Every structure is written in C-alpha cells, then in structure tokens.
C-alpha atoms as a PDB file:
ATOM      1  CA  MET A   1     -17.653  26.879 -22.512  1.00  0.00           C
ATOM      2  CA  GLU A   2     -16.907  26.316 -26.212  1.00  0.00           C
ATOM      3  CA  GLU A   3     -14.445  23.559 -25.436  1.00  0.00           C
ATOM      4  CA  ASP A   4     -17.243  21.535 -23.788  1.00  0.00           C
ATOM      5  CA  SER A   5     -19.454  22.093 -26.835  1.00  0.00           C
ATOM      6  CA  VAL A   6     -16.726  20.758 -29.098  1.00  0.00           C
ATOM      7  CA  PHE A   7     -16.479  17.579 -27.060  1.00  0.00           C
ATOM      8  CA  LYS A   8     -20.268  17.219 -26.985  1.00  0.00           C
ATOM      9  CA  GLU A   9     -20.338  17.502 -30.768  1.00  0.00           C
ATOM     10  CA  ILE A  10     -17.559  14.906 -31.065  1.00  0.00           C
ATOM     11  CA  GLU A  11     -19.616  12.648 -28.800  1.00  0.00           C
ATOM     12  CA  LEU A  12     -22.586  13.155 -31.151  1.00  0.00           C
ATOM     13  CA  LEU A  13     -20.373  12.137 -34.073  1.00  0.00           C
ATOM     14  CA  LYS A  14     -19.439   9.020 -32.162  1.00  0.00           C
ATOM     15  CA  GLN A  15     -23.108   8.268 -31.506  1.00  0.00           C
ATOM     16  CA  MET A  16     -23.899   8.878 -35.173  1.00  0.00           C
ATOM     17  CA  LEU A  17     -21.315   6.241 -36.122  1.00  0.00           C
ATOM     18  CA  GLN A  18     -22.497   3.839 -33.446  1.00  0.00           C
ATOM     19  CA  SER A  19     -26.118   4.113 -34.526  1.00  0.00           C
ATOM     20  CA  GLY A  20     -25.314   3.844 -38.250  1.00  0.00           C
ATOM     21  CA  LYS A  21     -26.369   0.788 -40.217  1.00  0.00           C
ATOM     22  CA  THR A  22     -23.725  -1.926 -40.290  1.00  0.00           C
ATOM     23  CA  ILE A  23     -22.912  -3.170 -43.761  1.00  0.00           C
ATOM     24  CA  PRO A  24     -23.289  -6.960 -43.707  1.00  0.00           C
ATOM     25  CA  LEU A  25     -20.107  -9.039 -43.619  1.00  0.00           C
ATOM     26  CA  SER A  26     -17.893  -6.014 -42.990  1.00  0.00           C
ATOM     27  CA  LYS A  27     -16.767  -3.613 -40.305  1.00  0.00           C
ATOM     28  CA  LEU A  28     -18.180  -0.700 -42.304  1.00  0.00           C
ATOM     29  CA  VAL A  29     -21.022   1.494 -41.100  1.00  0.00           C
ATOM     30  CA  ALA A  30     -23.316   3.575 -43.301  1.00  0.00           C
ATOM     31  CA  VAL A  31     -24.069   7.101 -42.056  1.00  0.00           C
ATOM     32  CA  ASP A  32     -25.703  10.141 -43.608  1.00  0.00           C
ATOM     33  CA  LYS A  33     -22.751  11.809 -45.339  1.00  0.00           C
ATOM     34  CA  GLY A  34     -24.356  15.269 -45.371  1.00  0.00           C
ATOM     35  CA  ALA A  35     -25.229  15.136 -41.681  1.00  0.00           C
ATOM     36  CA  PHE A  36     -21.751  13.864 -40.822  1.00  0.00           C
ATOM     37  CA  ILE A  37     -20.007  16.635 -42.804  1.00  0.00           C
ATOM     38  CA  SER A  38     -22.378  19.205 -41.329  1.00  0.00           C
ATOM     39  CA  LYS A  39     -21.458  18.009 -37.839  1.00  0.00           C
ATOM     40  CA  ILE A  40     -17.736  18.321 -38.641  1.00  0.00           C
ATOM     41  CA  ASP A  41     -18.281  21.866 -39.976  1.00  0.00           C
ATOM     42  CA  HIS A  42     -20.157  22.709 -36.788  1.00  0.00           C
ATOM     43  CA  ILE A  43     -17.267  21.389 -34.675  1.00  0.00           C
ATOM     44  CA  ARG A  44     -14.870  23.574 -36.681  1.00  0.00           C
ATOM     45  CA  GLU A  45     -17.043  26.610 -35.888  1.00  0.00           C
ATOM     46  CA  LEU A  46     -17.050  25.733 -32.179  1.00  0.00           C
ATOM     47  CA  LEU A  47     -13.281  25.441 -31.895  1.00  0.00           C
ATOM     48  CA  PRO A  48     -11.957  27.937 -29.366  1.00  0.00           C
ATOM     49  CA  GLU A  49     -10.520  31.141 -30.753  1.00  0.00           C
ATOM     50  CA  GLU A  50      -7.140  30.146 -29.320  1.00  0.00           C
ATOM     51  CA  VAL A  51      -6.979  27.169 -31.699  1.00  0.00           C
ATOM     52  CA  LYS A  52      -7.858  29.362 -34.658  1.00  0.00           C
ATOM     53  CA  GLU A  53      -5.400  32.014 -33.499  1.00  0.00           C
ATOM     54  CA  ALA A  54      -2.639  29.460 -32.994  1.00  0.00           C
ATOM     55  CA  TYR A  55      -3.146  28.254 -36.541  1.00  0.00           C
ATOM     56  CA  LEU A  56      -2.988  31.798 -37.895  1.00  0.00           C
ATOM     57  CA  VAL A  57      -0.055  32.801 -35.701  1.00  0.00           C
ATOM     58  CA  SER A  58       1.962  29.775 -36.714  1.00  0.00           C
ATOM     59  CA  LYS A  59       1.339  30.689 -40.359  1.00  0.00           C
ATOM     60  CA  ARG A  60       2.264  34.312 -39.688  1.00  0.00           C
ATOM     61  CA  LYS A  61       5.310  33.643 -37.513  1.00  0.00           C
ATOM     62  CA  ASN A  62       7.777  34.444 -40.298  1.00  0.00           C
ATOM     63  CA  VAL A  63       5.858  37.607 -41.153  1.00  0.00           C
ATOM     64  CA  ILE A  64       6.001  38.722 -37.517  1.00  0.00           C
ATOM     65  CA  LEU A  65       9.725  38.013 -37.322  1.00  0.00           C
ATOM     66  CA  ALA A  66      10.314  39.799 -40.648  1.00  0.00           C
ATOM     67  CA  GLN A  67       8.472  42.835 -39.296  1.00  0.00           C
ATOM     68  CA  ALA A  68      10.629  42.778 -36.179  1.00  0.00           C
ATOM     69  CA  ASN A  69      13.748  42.624 -38.347  1.00  0.00           C
ATOM     70  CA  GLU A  70      12.478  45.474 -40.549  1.00  0.00           C
ATOM     71  CA  GLU A  71      11.828  47.557 -37.441  1.00  0.00           C
ATOM     72  CA  ARG A  72      15.330  46.775 -36.205  1.00  0.00           C
ATOM     73  CA  ASP A  73      16.806  47.758 -39.586  1.00  0.00           C
ATOM     74  CA  ARG A  74      14.783  50.984 -39.622  1.00  0.00           C
ATOM     75  CA  ILE A  75      16.039  51.836 -36.153  1.00  0.00           C
ATOM     76  CA  LEU A  76      19.598  51.008 -37.197  1.00  0.00           C
ATOM     77  CA  GLU A  77      19.309  53.230 -40.282  1.00  0.00           C
ATOM     78  CA  SER A  78      17.956  56.006 -38.128  1.00  0.00           C
ATOM     79  CA  ALA A  79      20.848  55.545 -35.741  1.00  0.00           C
ATOM     80  CA  MET A  80      23.385  55.697 -38.558  1.00  0.00           C
ATOM     81  CA  ALA A  81      21.802  58.818 -40.015  1.00  0.00           C
ATOM     82  CA  ARG A  82      21.894  60.385 -36.583  1.00  0.00           C
ATOM     83  CA  ARG A  83      25.521  59.362 -36.193  1.00  0.00           C
ATOM     84  CA  ASP A  84      26.451  60.971 -39.507  1.00  0.00           C
ATOM     85  CA  GLU A  85      24.847  64.234 -38.405  1.00  0.00           C
ATOM     86  CA  ILE A  86      26.747  64.177 -35.132  1.00  0.00           C
ATOM     87  CA  ILE A  87      30.080  63.314 -36.773  1.00  0.00           C
ATOM     88  CA  GLN A  88      29.877  66.502 -38.809  1.00  0.00           C
ATOM     89  CA  ASP A  89      30.678  68.360 -35.647  1.00  0.00           C
ATOM     90  CA  SER A  90      34.113  67.018 -34.616  1.00  0.00           C
ATOM     91  CA  ASP A  91      33.762  68.293 -31.026  1.00  0.00           C
ATOM     92  CA  VAL A  92      31.011  65.754 -30.340  1.00  0.00           C
ATOM     93  CA  LEU A  93      32.569  62.730 -32.072  1.00  0.00           C
ATOM     94  CA  GLU A  94      33.047  60.883 -28.801  1.00  0.00           C
ATOM     95  CA  GLU A  95      29.447  61.538 -27.824  1.00  0.00           C
ATOM     96  CA  ALA A  96      28.335  60.265 -31.229  1.00  0.00           C
ATOM     97  CA  LYS A  97      30.141  56.985 -30.722  1.00  0.00           C
ATOM     98  CA  LYS A  98      28.451  56.498 -27.363  1.00  0.00           C
ATOM     99  CA  GLU A  99      25.058  57.445 -28.788  1.00  0.00           C
ATOM    100  CA  LYS A 100      25.534  55.049 -31.696  1.00  0.00           C
ATOM    101  CA  ALA A 101      26.386  52.180 -29.371  1.00  0.00           C
ATOM    102  CA  LYS A 102      23.415  52.988 -27.170  1.00  0.00           C
ATOM    103  CA  ILE A 103      20.970  53.196 -30.083  1.00  0.00           C
ATOM    104  CA  LEU A 104      22.312  50.012 -31.661  1.00  0.00           C
ATOM    105  CA  ASP A 105      22.095  48.218 -28.335  1.00  0.00           C
ATOM    106  CA  GLU A 106      18.533  49.461 -27.780  1.00  0.00           C
ATOM    107  CA  ALA A 107      17.593  48.406 -31.311  1.00  0.00           C
ATOM    108  CA  ARG A 108      19.051  44.941 -30.820  1.00  0.00           C
ATOM    109  CA  THR A 109      17.384  44.598 -27.427  1.00  0.00           C
ATOM    110  CA  LYS A 110      14.037  45.713 -28.824  1.00  0.00           C
ATOM    111  CA  ALA A 111      14.295  43.367 -31.824  1.00  0.00           C
ATOM    112  CA  GLU A 112      15.281  40.437 -29.606  1.00  0.00           C
ATOM    113  CA  LYS A 113      12.413  41.170 -27.231  1.00  0.00           C
ATOM    114  CA  MET A 114       9.939  41.387 -30.111  1.00  0.00           C
ATOM    115  CA  GLN A 115      11.195  38.078 -31.476  1.00  0.00           C
ATOM    116  CA  LYS A 116      11.101  36.405 -28.050  1.00  0.00           C
ATOM    117  CA  ASP A 117       7.594  37.738 -27.355  1.00  0.00           C
ATOM    118  CA  ALA A 118       6.367  36.459 -30.722  1.00  0.00           C
ATOM    119  CA  GLU A 119       7.897  33.029 -30.109  1.00  0.00           C
ATOM    120  CA  ASP A 120       6.490  32.886 -26.544  1.00  0.00           C
ATOM    121  CA  TYR A 121       3.032  33.796 -27.843  1.00  0.00           C
ATOM    122  CA  VAL A 122       3.179  31.115 -30.544  1.00  0.00           C
ATOM    123  CA  PHE A 123       4.453  28.544 -28.037  1.00  0.00           C
ATOM    124  CA  LYS A 124       1.638  29.254 -25.565  1.00  0.00           C
ATOM    125  CA  LEU A 125      -1.041  29.057 -28.242  1.00  0.00           C
ATOM    126  CA  LEU A 126       0.402  25.857 -29.684  1.00  0.00           C
ATOM    127  CA  SER A 127       0.606  24.302 -26.204  1.00  0.00           C
ATOM    128  CA  LYS A 128      -3.029  25.148 -25.538  1.00  0.00           C
ATOM    129  CA  THR A 129      -3.999  23.780 -28.945  1.00  0.00           C
ATOM    130  CA  GLN A 130      -2.066  20.603 -28.255  1.00  0.00           C
ATOM    131  CA  THR A 131      -3.998  20.079 -25.006  1.00  0.00           C
ATOM    132  CA  ILE A 132      -7.325  20.544 -26.772  1.00  0.00           C
ATOM    133  CA  LEU A 133      -6.316  18.203 -29.575  1.00  0.00           C
ATOM    134  CA  HIS A 134      -5.161  15.555 -27.082  1.00  0.00           C
ATOM    135  CA  LYS A 135      -8.587  15.677 -25.455  1.00  0.00           C
ATOM    136  CA  ALA A 136     -10.290  15.377 -28.826  1.00  0.00           C
ATOM    137  CA  GLN A 137      -8.005  12.515 -29.800  1.00  0.00           C
ATOM    138  CA  SER A 138      -8.931  10.652 -26.593  1.00  0.00           C
ATOM    139  CA  VAL A 139     -12.626  10.960 -27.392  1.00  0.00           C
ATOM    140  CA  LEU A 140     -12.019   9.769 -30.955  1.00  0.00           C
ATOM    141  CA  GLU A 141      -9.948   6.810 -29.731  1.00  0.00           C
ATOM    142  CA  GLU A 142     -12.774   5.850 -27.367  1.00  0.00           C
ATOM    143  CA  GLY A 143     -15.159   6.033 -30.286  1.00  0.00           C
ATOM    144  CA  LYS A 144     -12.966   3.835 -32.429  1.00  0.00           C
ATOM    145  CA  GLU A 145     -12.566   1.322 -29.612  1.00  0.00           C
ATOM    146  CA  GLY A 146     -16.330   1.311 -29.107  1.00  0.00           C
ATOM    147  CA  LEU A 147     -16.848   0.619 -32.777  1.00  0.00           C
ATOM    148  CA  LYS A 148     -14.251  -2.166 -32.764  1.00  0.00           C
ATOM    149  CA  TYR A 149     -15.953  -3.699 -29.743  1.00  0.00           C
ATOM    150  CA  GLU A 150     -19.391  -3.492 -31.366  1.00  0.00           C
ATOM    151  CA  SER A 151     -18.014  -4.865 -34.636  1.00  0.00           C
ATOM    152  CA  SER A 152     -16.414  -7.841 -32.961  1.00  0.00           C
ATOM    153  CA  ASP A 153     -19.618  -8.477 -30.937  1.00  0.00           C
ATOM    154  CA  SER A 154     -21.762  -8.394 -34.080  1.00  0.00           C
ATOM    155  CA  GLU A 155     -19.383 -10.766 -35.888  1.00  0.00           C
ATOM    156  CA  HIS A 156     -19.481 -13.242 -33.011  1.00  0.00           C
ATOM    157  CA  SER A 157     -23.276 -13.126 -32.780  1.00  0.00           C
ATOM    158  CA  GLU A 158     -23.758 -13.846 -36.507  1.00  0.00           C
END
C-alpha cells in the first residue's frame, strides 16, 4: 500500500537525521542535503492519489462551481427560449407557465445537486488527506522527540 511506503520513507528520514553527525556544542545535525531532498521528493511521489486529487480538487472547486452555474444558466436560457416559443401560441400559455416552472425547478435542482456533489467530493478527499497528514505528523513528532532526547543525552554526557 502506498500509504505504508510513505510512512516507511518518513521513518528513513528520521533515521537519516538520527544518524547524522552532531555539530559540537549545538543541537544541530549535519546530513547529506542532496540525499535528504531526494528522500522528500520520493515521499511526494509516493503520496496516495487521493492526496494529490484533493489538492487539485480544492484548487479547482471554484471552477467546478462556476461550471455548474454556467450549466444552470444555459438550462435557464433554454427554458426561456422554449417559453417564448410556447407563448406565441396563446392557447397554450397556461401550459407554457407550467413548463417554465418545471424546467426552472429542474435546472435549480440539477445545479444544487451538482454543487452539493462537488462539495461532498472535496470534503471526502480533504478528510482522507487530513487523516494521512495526521499520521505523518505523528511520525514527525516522534522523530523530533527522539532527536530532542538524543540531544539532551549527548549534552549531559559531555
């Protein structure tokens, strides 16, 4: 599972920091910058598609909603054009009013559903991303704590 690979790579980052050379009289650790950056790039590649999709979807949310509104407007225009055609024949004026209301209602319902579906999709992806990031944050916090512990041990032993 990719998620496991991400956490394994984060663990390797932690080990890289823990095995780095401590700079005397400081809490700083020297690590191979290129290897460290390469590891981070590799983690980015291993991120689950859902995380990448959530990022893209959150950026595209307004575009999706604008498309839904454009579709609604197009449907409304179509409904009005249809209404105008029907009004030309005075015998069917009452039917035109009913048809207009129906089409407008369907258009509104469809637009609202599209908007709700888009928001639900974004919410689910962001929730999943949040869970993954919480797990990653826990691993990073453990790493930081481990480094603090090692730093304080090395200061006491000197």
